[in-house]
Amino acid sequence: MSQLKRYVPVFIALLSILILLGMQVYWLIYSYRLEEALFSKSVRIALNQTIATLTKDEGACQSMQKSISCDSTFRASRKITPHVWKSLDGQIRDELSRYGIDQEYELAIFKGKDTLEIKKLDQLVGSACYRLSLDNVLEMSGTEIGVIFPNRYNFFLHRMGLMFLGSVILILLIGLSFVLVIRHYLKEIRLSKNIKEMVNNLAHEFRTPISSISLAAKMIYQSDEISTNLKLKRYTDTIIEENKRLQRHSDHILQLAAIEQNNMAYHFQKTDISVVLDEAIRSVNFLVEQKGGKIIKEYGEEPVYVFGDHAELVHVMMNLLVNAYKYSHQKIEITVAVTKIETGTKIEVIDKGIGMAAHEKKKIFEKYYRIPTGNQHNIKGFGIGLYYVKAVLNAHHASILVESEPLKGSRFTIIFPKKKGESWS
C-alpha cells in the first residue's frame, strides 16, 4: 500500500471528527440563540401583560405622569411614587416567573435621555435592556418602560448547563479516542513496516545459500559417480527441485515487497503469449505429471502478441497453474486456452478441482487470504500468489475474472486489452 493510501483513512477520520465537532458547536450556538429568543419573547410578553394591567389602574397612571413630568434632573426620587414602583415590580416579577425567569433585573422608565428609577447605571452599561412604549398608557410621547438584566448570560448557561457540559465531555472523549486510535494505528504501521523489512532482509539473505546449494547440486550432478549411483542421483534431483521451490518463494516475497512499495520495474514490450505460456507450463508440468495429471494446451502455433513484461507474465501464469494444481485433489486436468477477441486477447486457465463458494471468489485476490479446507494442511502456500497476479495484471491494464462452483472446478479468465491502433489481420 502506498504512503498516500495508507494515510487516507486517517485523513477521512480526522475530517469526520472535525465535521462532527463543527456540528456540535453549531448546535450549541443554535441552542443558545434559541434560548435567547425564548428569553426575549418571554420578557416582552411579561412587559405587555404589565402594561395591560397598568392601563386599568388610572391612579397609578396619573402618579407616574406626575413623577415623569417633574423629573428633569435625570434621576427622580423613589419617594414620589413608591406604591407604583412596587406594583410594577411585583407585576413584572410575577409575569417573568410564569416563564421560569427568576433573574435579578433593574426596572426603569425612560423619557428621552432621562431615566426614572434606575440603580448603578454605570455598572449596567452593555447589559440587555428590553423596552416597550408607554405613550398610549400615559398619553406622553417618548416614554418607555424597560427591564435590564445584568446577569442574563448566567441564566442561559444555567439553562444550557447539562447540554453544554455533555457536549464538552463528548468533544473531549471524541478527541481522546481519536488520538488513541491514531497512536495505535501509527504503531501498527511501524510494526508492519519493520516486519516487512525483516522479511525482505531474510529473503535477500536466503539468496546466497540458495545459489550455493544450486551450484553444489549442479557440481554433484556433473560428477562421474552420479551415473552409477541411482540413490545419489535421486537425492540430487530432490535437492535441485526443492531449491528451485525455495528460490520461487524467495522471489515472491521480494516481488511482493516491490509491488507494495511501487518499486516494481516492468519491461513492457511486444510479447508472444504462447511463449510465455509454454515457459510457465514447463515449470509446472513436472509437478502435474508426478500425480498422473496433464496440462492441455488449446492455442495454435500462430503467434498471439500482448504488450507486457515477459518475465512477470511467466510468473503470473505459473501462479495460476500452481494454484490449479494445488486445489485438484484427484485426477489433475488443467486446460490453458488462448482466444483472440474483439477487445484484445483472452487467456483461460481451467481446472477440475475443488472449486470455491461465491463469497470466497471476492476474497481470493486479497493478500494472505487462503481458501479454508477444514483441518487439512496439505495445501501449502502463503496466500500471496493471487494477490501478486492481480497486482501485475493491474499494471498491465489487464482484468481477471473468476468462475467457480464447489466441487466443479474453477475458470480464471484474463483479458489483455488491445493496444491502440493494433490490428489482428
Protein backbone atom coordinates (compact mmCIF):
# COMPACT_ATOMS: atom_id res chain seq x y z
CA MET A 1 0.00 0.00 0.00
CA SER A 2 1.41 3.40 -0.96
CA GLN A 3 2.09 6.10 1.60
CA LEU A 4 -0.87 8.15 0.38
CA LYS A 5 -3.33 5.25 0.52
CA ARG A 6 -2.11 4.34 3.99
CA TYR A 7 -2.97 7.74 5.40
CA VAL A 8 -6.25 8.24 3.52
CA PRO A 9 -8.28 6.55 6.33
CA VAL A 10 -6.58 8.85 8.85
CA PHE A 11 -7.48 11.94 6.82
CA ILE A 12 -11.07 10.73 6.41
CA ALA A 13 -11.39 10.00 10.15
CA LEU A 14 -9.91 13.40 11.04
CA LEU A 15 -12.24 15.17 8.61
CA SER A 16 -15.24 13.25 10.00
CA ILE A 17 -14.35 14.22 13.56
CA LEU A 18 -13.87 17.85 12.60
CA ILE A 19 -17.27 17.84 10.88
CA LEU A 20 -18.81 16.21 13.96
CA LEU A 21 -17.21 18.79 16.25
CA GLY A 22 -18.35 21.57 13.94
CA MET A 23 -21.91 20.25 14.05
CA GLN A 24 -21.72 20.03 17.84
CA VAL A 25 -20.54 23.64 18.10
CA TYR A 26 -23.23 24.69 15.63
CA TRP A 27 -25.95 23.06 17.73
CA LEU A 28 -24.59 24.68 20.87
CA ILE A 29 -24.75 28.10 19.21
CA TYR A 30 -28.18 27.31 17.79
CA SER A 31 -29.42 26.23 21.23
CA TYR A 32 -28.02 29.41 22.78
CA ARG A 33 -29.77 31.58 20.21
CA LEU A 34 -32.98 29.65 20.72
CA GLU A 35 -32.78 30.19 24.48
CA GLU A 36 -32.05 33.87 23.86
CA ALA A 37 -35.07 34.19 21.56
CA LEU A 38 -37.34 32.46 24.07
CA PHE A 39 -35.99 34.66 26.85
CA SER A 40 -36.59 37.85 24.85
CA LYS A 41 -40.09 36.73 23.88
CA SER A 42 -40.94 35.86 27.49
CA VAL A 43 -39.70 39.22 28.76
CA ARG A 44 -41.66 41.16 26.15
CA ILE A 45 -44.84 39.17 26.93
CA ALA A 46 -44.32 39.94 30.63
CA LEU A 47 -43.94 43.65 29.84
CA ASN A 48 -47.05 43.61 27.65
CA GLN A 49 -49.04 41.98 30.44
CA THR A 50 -47.71 44.55 32.90
CA ILE A 51 -48.68 47.43 30.61
CA ALA A 52 -52.14 45.91 30.13
CA THR A 53 -52.60 45.77 33.91
CA LEU A 54 -51.22 49.29 34.31
CA THR A 55 -53.72 50.60 31.77
CA LYS A 56 -56.61 49.55 34.01
CA ASP A 57 -55.14 51.40 37.03
CA GLU A 58 -55.88 55.13 36.43
CA GLY A 59 -54.37 56.16 39.76
CA ALA A 60 -51.06 54.53 39.01
CA CYS A 61 -51.00 56.10 35.54
CA GLN A 62 -51.65 59.61 36.97
CA SER A 63 -48.97 59.12 39.64
CA MET A 64 -46.44 58.10 37.01
CA GLN A 65 -47.35 61.07 34.82
CA LYS A 66 -46.66 63.46 37.72
CA SER A 67 -43.37 61.75 38.54
CA ILE A 68 -42.15 61.83 34.97
CA SER A 69 -43.26 65.44 34.38
CA CYS A 70 -41.28 66.66 37.40
CA ASP A 71 -38.23 64.55 36.68
CA SER A 72 -35.81 66.80 34.83
CA THR A 73 -32.69 66.01 36.81
CA PHE A 74 -32.08 62.67 35.05
CA ARG A 75 -32.96 60.72 38.20
CA ALA A 76 -36.15 61.19 40.28
CA SER A 77 -36.66 60.31 43.95
CA ARG A 78 -38.31 56.99 44.74
CA LYS A 79 -40.46 58.76 47.40
CA ILE A 80 -42.76 60.25 44.81
CA THR A 81 -44.46 57.02 43.72
CA PRO A 82 -43.36 54.15 45.96
CA HIS A 83 -46.57 52.16 45.55
CA VAL A 84 -46.37 52.46 41.75
CA TRP A 85 -42.86 51.07 41.63
CA LYS A 86 -43.75 48.29 43.99
CA SER A 87 -46.80 47.41 41.93
CA LEU A 88 -44.90 47.46 38.64
CA ASP A 89 -42.01 45.46 40.07
CA GLY A 90 -44.33 42.85 41.55
CA GLN A 91 -46.35 42.57 38.36
CA ILE A 92 -43.27 42.10 36.18
CA ARG A 93 -41.70 39.63 38.61
CA ASP A 94 -44.89 37.55 38.65
CA GLU A 95 -45.13 37.55 34.87
CA LEU A 96 -41.46 36.55 34.47
CA SER A 97 -41.81 33.72 36.99
CA ARG A 98 -44.52 32.19 34.79
CA TYR A 99 -41.86 31.62 32.13
CA GLY A 100 -39.26 30.31 34.55
CA ILE A 101 -37.22 33.53 34.63
CA ASP A 102 -36.02 34.30 38.14
CA GLN A 103 -33.11 36.58 37.29
CA GLU A 104 -32.38 39.83 39.06
CA TYR A 105 -33.26 42.88 36.98
CA GLU A 106 -33.43 46.67 37.15
CA LEU A 107 -36.72 48.41 36.39
CA ALA A 108 -36.63 51.80 34.65
CA ILE A 109 -38.91 54.33 32.99
CA PHE A 110 -37.29 56.13 30.06
CA LYS A 111 -38.23 59.52 28.63
CA GLY A 112 -35.74 60.50 26.01
CA LYS A 113 -32.37 60.62 27.74
CA ASP A 114 -33.92 60.92 31.21
CA THR A 115 -34.29 57.82 33.30
CA LEU A 116 -36.65 57.39 36.20
CA GLU A 117 -35.64 54.96 38.98
CA ILE A 118 -32.58 53.01 37.96
CA LYS A 119 -29.70 51.88 40.10
CA LYS A 120 -25.99 51.58 39.34
CA LEU A 121 -26.43 52.91 35.82
CA ASP A 122 -22.70 52.89 35.10
CA GLN A 123 -22.40 49.22 36.03
CA LEU A 124 -25.26 48.21 33.74
CA VAL A 125 -23.75 49.56 30.53
CA GLY A 126 -23.77 46.76 27.95
CA SER A 127 -26.43 44.72 29.77
CA ALA A 128 -29.51 43.52 27.93
CA CYS A 129 -32.35 46.04 28.12
CA TYR A 130 -35.88 45.30 26.96
CA ARG A 131 -38.20 48.29 26.37
CA LEU A 132 -41.84 48.81 25.49
CA SER A 133 -43.61 52.13 24.77
CA LEU A 134 -45.90 53.72 27.39
CA ASP A 135 -47.16 56.50 25.08
CA ASN A 136 -50.71 55.16 24.90
CA VAL A 137 -50.87 54.44 28.61
CA LEU A 138 -49.51 57.73 29.97
CA GLU A 139 -50.53 59.89 27.00
CA MET A 140 -46.97 61.20 26.87
CA SER A 141 -44.70 60.84 23.85
CA GLY A 142 -41.31 59.24 24.12
CA THR A 143 -41.93 57.29 27.35
CA GLU A 144 -40.90 53.65 27.70
CA ILE A 145 -40.82 51.01 30.40
CA GLY A 146 -37.77 48.78 30.46
CA VAL A 147 -36.12 45.97 32.37
CA ILE A 148 -32.37 45.44 32.40
CA PHE A 149 -30.80 42.03 33.13
CA PRO A 150 -27.13 42.36 34.18
CA ASN A 151 -26.72 38.55 34.61
CA ARG A 152 -28.64 37.35 31.61
CA TYR A 153 -25.77 35.16 30.32
CA ASN A 154 -25.61 33.27 33.60
CA PHE A 155 -29.27 32.41 33.10
CA PHE A 156 -28.53 30.97 29.63
CA LEU A 157 -25.57 28.96 30.92
CA HIS A 158 -27.71 27.62 33.74
CA ARG A 159 -30.49 26.60 31.35
CA MET A 160 -28.00 25.03 28.92
CA GLY A 161 -25.73 23.64 31.61
CA LEU A 162 -26.45 19.96 31.07
CA MET A 163 -26.35 20.23 27.28
CA PHE A 164 -23.19 22.33 27.37
CA LEU A 165 -21.43 20.01 29.83
CA GLY A 166 -22.47 16.95 27.85
CA SER A 167 -21.18 18.48 24.62
CA VAL A 168 -17.85 19.40 26.16
CA ILE A 169 -17.43 15.89 27.59
CA LEU A 170 -18.42 14.34 24.24
CA ILE A 171 -15.94 16.53 22.36
CA LEU A 172 -13.16 15.64 24.79
CA LEU A 173 -13.96 11.92 24.58
CA ILE A 174 -14.04 12.02 20.78
CA GLY A 175 -10.74 13.88 20.67
CA LEU A 176 -9.12 11.49 23.17
CA SER A 177 -10.44 8.45 21.30
CA PHE A 178 -9.15 9.80 18.01
CA VAL A 179 -5.69 10.44 19.47
CA LEU A 180 -5.54 6.92 20.95
CA VAL A 181 -6.74 5.31 17.71
CA ILE A 182 -4.19 7.24 15.65
CA ARG A 183 -1.41 6.31 18.07
CA HIS A 184 -2.31 2.62 17.80
CA TYR A 185 -2.71 2.92 14.02
CA LEU A 186 0.71 4.51 13.60
CA LYS A 187 2.20 1.91 15.94
CA GLU A 188 0.72 -0.88 13.80
CA ILE A 189 2.07 0.79 10.65
CA ARG A 190 5.57 0.95 12.16
CA LEU A 191 5.31 -2.66 13.29
CA SER A 192 4.10 -3.79 9.86
CA LYS A 193 6.91 -1.84 8.19
CA ASN A 194 9.51 -3.41 10.49
CA ILE A 195 8.15 -6.90 9.82
CA LYS A 196 8.24 -6.30 6.05
CA GLU A 197 11.81 -5.03 6.26
CA MET A 198 12.83 -8.06 8.30
CA VAL A 199 11.17 -10.48 5.86
CA ASN A 200 12.75 -8.70 2.88
CA ASN A 201 16.17 -8.82 4.53
CA LEU A 202 15.71 -12.53 5.22
CA ALA A 203 14.68 -13.11 1.61
CA HIS A 204 17.82 -11.32 0.43
CA GLU A 205 19.96 -13.31 2.86
CA PHE A 206 18.47 -16.55 1.54
CA ARG A 207 19.69 -15.82 -1.95
CA THR A 208 23.33 -16.56 -1.15
CA PRO A 209 22.75 -20.02 0.39
CA ILE A 210 20.20 -20.83 -2.33
CA SER A 211 22.77 -20.02 -5.01
CA SER A 212 25.39 -22.06 -3.15
CA ILE A 213 23.07 -25.06 -2.86
CA SER A 214 22.18 -24.81 -6.56
CA LEU A 215 25.87 -24.66 -7.54
CA ALA A 216 26.77 -27.60 -5.29
CA ALA A 217 23.88 -29.69 -6.67
CA LYS A 218 24.96 -28.98 -10.24
CA MET A 219 28.53 -29.98 -9.45
CA ILE A 220 27.31 -33.26 -7.94
CA TYR A 221 25.13 -33.82 -10.97
CA GLN A 222 28.16 -33.39 -13.25
CA SER A 223 30.35 -35.79 -11.28
CA ASP A 224 31.21 -39.29 -12.52
CA GLU A 225 29.53 -41.01 -9.58
CA ILE A 226 26.07 -39.71 -10.50
CA SER A 227 25.71 -42.12 -13.41
CA THR A 228 26.41 -45.22 -11.31
CA ASN A 229 24.73 -44.21 -8.05
CA LEU A 230 20.96 -44.01 -8.62
CA LYS A 231 20.28 -43.13 -5.00
CA LEU A 232 22.68 -40.17 -5.20
CA LYS A 233 21.00 -39.05 -8.44
CA ARG A 234 17.54 -39.18 -6.80
CA TYR A 235 18.76 -37.19 -3.81
CA THR A 236 20.40 -34.66 -6.09
CA ASP A 237 17.21 -34.26 -8.14
CA THR A 238 15.27 -33.69 -4.94
CA ILE A 239 17.77 -31.04 -3.79
CA ILE A 240 17.55 -29.24 -7.13
CA GLU A 241 13.74 -29.25 -7.21
CA GLU A 242 13.36 -28.14 -3.60
CA ASN A 243 15.99 -25.47 -4.13
CA LYS A 244 14.02 -24.17 -7.11
CA ARG A 245 10.89 -24.04 -5.00
CA LEU A 246 12.74 -22.15 -2.26
CA GLN A 247 14.01 -19.78 -4.93
CA ARG A 248 10.45 -19.15 -6.16
CA HIS A 249 9.23 -18.40 -2.63
CA SER A 250 12.10 -16.01 -2.07
CA ASP A 251 11.38 -14.26 -5.37
CA HIS A 252 7.69 -13.97 -4.48
CA ILE A 253 8.50 -12.25 -1.20
CA LEU A 254 10.80 -9.77 -2.91
CA GLN A 255 8.32 -9.16 -5.71
CA LEU A 256 5.54 -8.59 -3.18
CA ALA A 257 7.67 -6.01 -1.36
CA ALA A 258 8.44 -4.25 -4.65
CA ILE A 259 4.73 -4.16 -5.58
CA GLU A 260 3.70 -2.71 -2.20
CA GLN A 261 6.38 -0.02 -2.40
CA ASN A 262 5.58 0.77 -6.05
CA ASN A 263 9.15 -0.10 -6.94
CA MET A 264 8.29 -2.85 -9.40
CA ALA A 265 10.25 -2.25 -12.58
CA TYR A 266 8.36 -3.56 -15.61
CA HIS A 267 9.91 -4.01 -19.04
CA PHE A 268 6.97 -3.69 -21.40
CA GLN A 269 7.41 -4.99 -24.93
CA LYS A 270 5.60 -6.91 -27.63
CA THR A 271 5.40 -10.42 -26.16
CA ASP A 272 4.24 -13.70 -27.68
CA ILE A 273 1.79 -15.04 -25.12
CA SER A 274 2.25 -18.60 -26.44
CA VAL A 275 5.95 -18.48 -25.49
CA VAL A 276 5.01 -17.16 -22.04
CA LEU A 277 2.52 -19.98 -21.51
CA ASP A 278 4.91 -22.68 -22.76
CA GLU A 279 7.58 -21.49 -20.34
CA ALA A 280 5.15 -21.46 -17.41
CA ILE A 281 3.78 -24.90 -18.33
CA ARG A 282 7.30 -26.40 -18.48
CA SER A 283 7.97 -25.15 -14.94
CA VAL A 284 4.78 -26.70 -13.52
CA ASN A 285 4.42 -29.77 -15.73
CA PHE A 286 6.83 -31.81 -13.62
CA LEU A 287 4.60 -31.44 -10.54
CA VAL A 288 1.44 -32.27 -12.51
CA GLU A 289 2.94 -35.38 -14.14
CA GLN A 290 4.13 -36.68 -10.76
CA LYS A 291 0.45 -37.04 -9.78
CA GLY A 292 -0.55 -38.54 -13.10
CA GLY A 293 -2.18 -35.36 -14.36
CA LYS A 294 -1.88 -33.39 -17.55
CA ILE A 295 -1.99 -29.84 -18.88
CA ILE A 296 -3.97 -29.38 -22.09
CA LYS A 297 -2.96 -26.54 -24.41
CA GLU A 298 -5.67 -25.02 -26.59
CA TYR A 299 -3.85 -22.48 -28.68
CA GLY A 300 -2.31 -22.72 -32.11
CA GLU A 301 1.20 -22.21 -33.36
CA GLU A 302 0.36 -18.79 -34.75
CA PRO A 303 1.85 -16.06 -32.50
CA VAL A 304 -0.56 -14.07 -30.34
CA TYR A 305 1.02 -10.90 -29.04
CA VAL A 306 0.31 -8.81 -25.98
CA PHE A 307 2.09 -5.75 -24.65
CA GLY A 308 3.72 -6.69 -21.36
CA ASP A 309 6.69 -7.83 -19.28
CA HIS A 310 7.68 -11.32 -20.39
CA ALA A 311 9.26 -12.46 -17.10
CA GLU A 312 6.42 -11.16 -14.89
CA LEU A 313 3.76 -12.67 -17.16
CA VAL A 314 5.53 -16.04 -16.86
CA HIS A 315 5.32 -15.74 -13.07
CA VAL A 316 1.63 -14.80 -13.33
CA MET A 317 0.80 -17.87 -15.40
CA MET A 318 2.92 -20.09 -13.15
CA ASN A 319 0.96 -18.88 -10.13
CA LEU A 320 -2.34 -19.70 -11.80
CA LEU A 321 -1.13 -23.15 -12.90
CA VAL A 322 0.32 -23.96 -9.47
CA ASN A 323 -2.94 -22.83 -7.90
CA ALA A 324 -4.93 -25.13 -10.19
CA TYR A 325 -2.52 -27.98 -9.35
CA LYS A 326 -2.75 -27.47 -5.58
CA TYR A 327 -6.56 -27.38 -5.49
CA SER A 328 -7.04 -30.51 -7.67
CA HIS A 329 -7.14 -33.39 -5.21
CA GLN A 330 -7.89 -36.27 -7.56
CA LYS A 331 -7.00 -36.60 -11.23
CA ILE A 332 -5.41 -33.33 -12.33
CA GLU A 333 -6.54 -31.89 -15.63
CA ILE A 334 -5.69 -28.27 -16.37
CA THR A 335 -6.64 -26.56 -19.62
CA VAL A 336 -4.88 -23.44 -20.89
CA ALA A 337 -6.68 -21.69 -23.74
CA VAL A 338 -5.90 -18.56 -25.75
CA THR A 339 -8.54 -16.77 -27.81
CA LYS A 340 -8.44 -13.61 -29.88
CA ILE A 341 -11.46 -11.44 -29.15
CA GLU A 342 -12.60 -8.10 -30.49
CA THR A 343 -11.35 -6.16 -27.47
CA GLY A 344 -8.00 -7.95 -27.12
CA THR A 345 -6.68 -11.34 -26.02
CA LYS A 346 -8.41 -13.78 -23.68
CA ILE A 347 -6.44 -16.37 -21.69
CA GLU A 348 -8.23 -19.04 -19.69
CA VAL A 349 -6.85 -21.42 -17.05
CA ILE A 350 -9.45 -24.10 -16.31
CA ASP A 351 -9.20 -26.86 -13.70
CA LYS A 352 -11.46 -29.61 -12.39
CA GLY A 353 -10.53 -29.12 -8.76
CA ILE A 354 -12.45 -28.47 -5.57
CA GLY A 355 -13.73 -25.06 -6.70
CA MET A 356 -14.89 -22.39 -4.29
CA ALA A 357 -18.03 -20.76 -2.92
CA ALA A 358 -19.34 -17.45 -4.26
CA HIS A 359 -18.31 -15.43 -1.18
CA GLU A 360 -14.74 -16.75 -1.46
CA LYS A 361 -14.32 -15.51 -5.03
CA LYS A 362 -14.36 -11.92 -3.75
CA LYS A 363 -11.51 -12.58 -1.31
CA ILE A 364 -9.02 -14.76 -3.16
CA PHE A 365 -7.10 -11.75 -4.54
CA GLU A 366 -6.60 -10.32 -1.04
CA LYS A 367 -3.14 -10.59 0.46
CA TYR A 368 -2.58 -13.66 2.69
CA TYR A 369 -6.10 -14.99 2.07
CA ARG A 370 -6.35 -18.74 1.56
CA ILE A 371 -9.47 -20.77 0.86
CA PRO A 372 -10.27 -22.74 4.03
CA THR A 373 -10.08 -26.54 3.66
CA GLY A 374 -11.21 -27.62 7.09
CA ASN A 375 -8.45 -29.06 9.27
CA GLN A 376 -6.34 -30.14 6.30
CA HIS A 377 -2.95 -28.52 5.87
CA ASN A 378 -1.77 -30.37 2.79
CA ILE A 379 -2.37 -27.33 0.58
CA LYS A 380 0.76 -25.28 1.07
CA GLY A 381 1.34 -21.63 0.34
CA PHE A 382 1.44 -18.14 1.81
CA GLY A 383 -1.72 -16.68 0.28
CA ILE A 384 0.18 -14.11 -1.79
CA GLY A 385 0.15 -15.77 -5.22
CA LEU A 386 -3.18 -14.42 -6.48
CA TYR A 387 -2.54 -11.06 -4.81
CA TYR A 388 0.65 -10.86 -6.88
CA VAL A 389 -1.24 -11.96 -10.02
CA LYS A 390 -3.84 -9.22 -9.56
CA ALA A 391 -1.21 -6.54 -8.92
CA VAL A 392 0.83 -7.44 -12.03
CA LEU A 393 -2.24 -7.63 -14.26
CA ASN A 394 -3.39 -4.23 -13.00
CA ALA A 395 -0.04 -2.82 -14.03
CA HIS A 396 -0.65 -4.31 -17.49
CA HIS A 397 -4.19 -2.81 -17.58
CA ALA A 398 -5.50 -6.37 -17.86
CA SER A 399 -8.50 -7.79 -16.00
CA ILE A 400 -9.00 -11.17 -14.37
CA LEU A 401 -12.36 -12.85 -13.73
CA VAL A 402 -13.18 -15.99 -11.75
CA GLU A 403 -15.95 -18.50 -12.36
CA SER A 404 -16.19 -21.35 -9.87
CA GLU A 405 -18.54 -23.68 -8.02
CA PRO A 406 -17.75 -26.06 -5.20
CA LEU A 407 -16.54 -29.46 -6.46
CA LYS A 408 -16.89 -28.30 -10.08
CA GLY A 409 -13.56 -26.63 -10.64
CA SER A 410 -12.58 -23.06 -11.44
CA ARG A 411 -12.03 -20.94 -14.53
CA PHE A 412 -9.67 -17.94 -14.38
CA THR A 413 -10.09 -15.63 -17.36
CA ILE A 414 -7.51 -12.95 -18.17
CA ILE A 415 -8.28 -10.31 -20.78
CA PHE A 416 -5.46 -8.20 -22.18
CA PRO A 417 -6.84 -5.09 -23.88
CA LYS A 418 -5.93 -4.46 -27.49
CA LYS A 419 -3.28 -1.80 -27.80
CA LYS A 420 -4.48 1.36 -29.55
CA GLY A 421 -4.06 1.01 -33.29
CA GLU A 422 -3.39 -2.75 -33.05
CA SER A 423 -4.92 -5.00 -35.71
CA TRP A 424 -5.42 -8.77 -35.79
CA SER A 425 -5.18 -9.01 -39.52
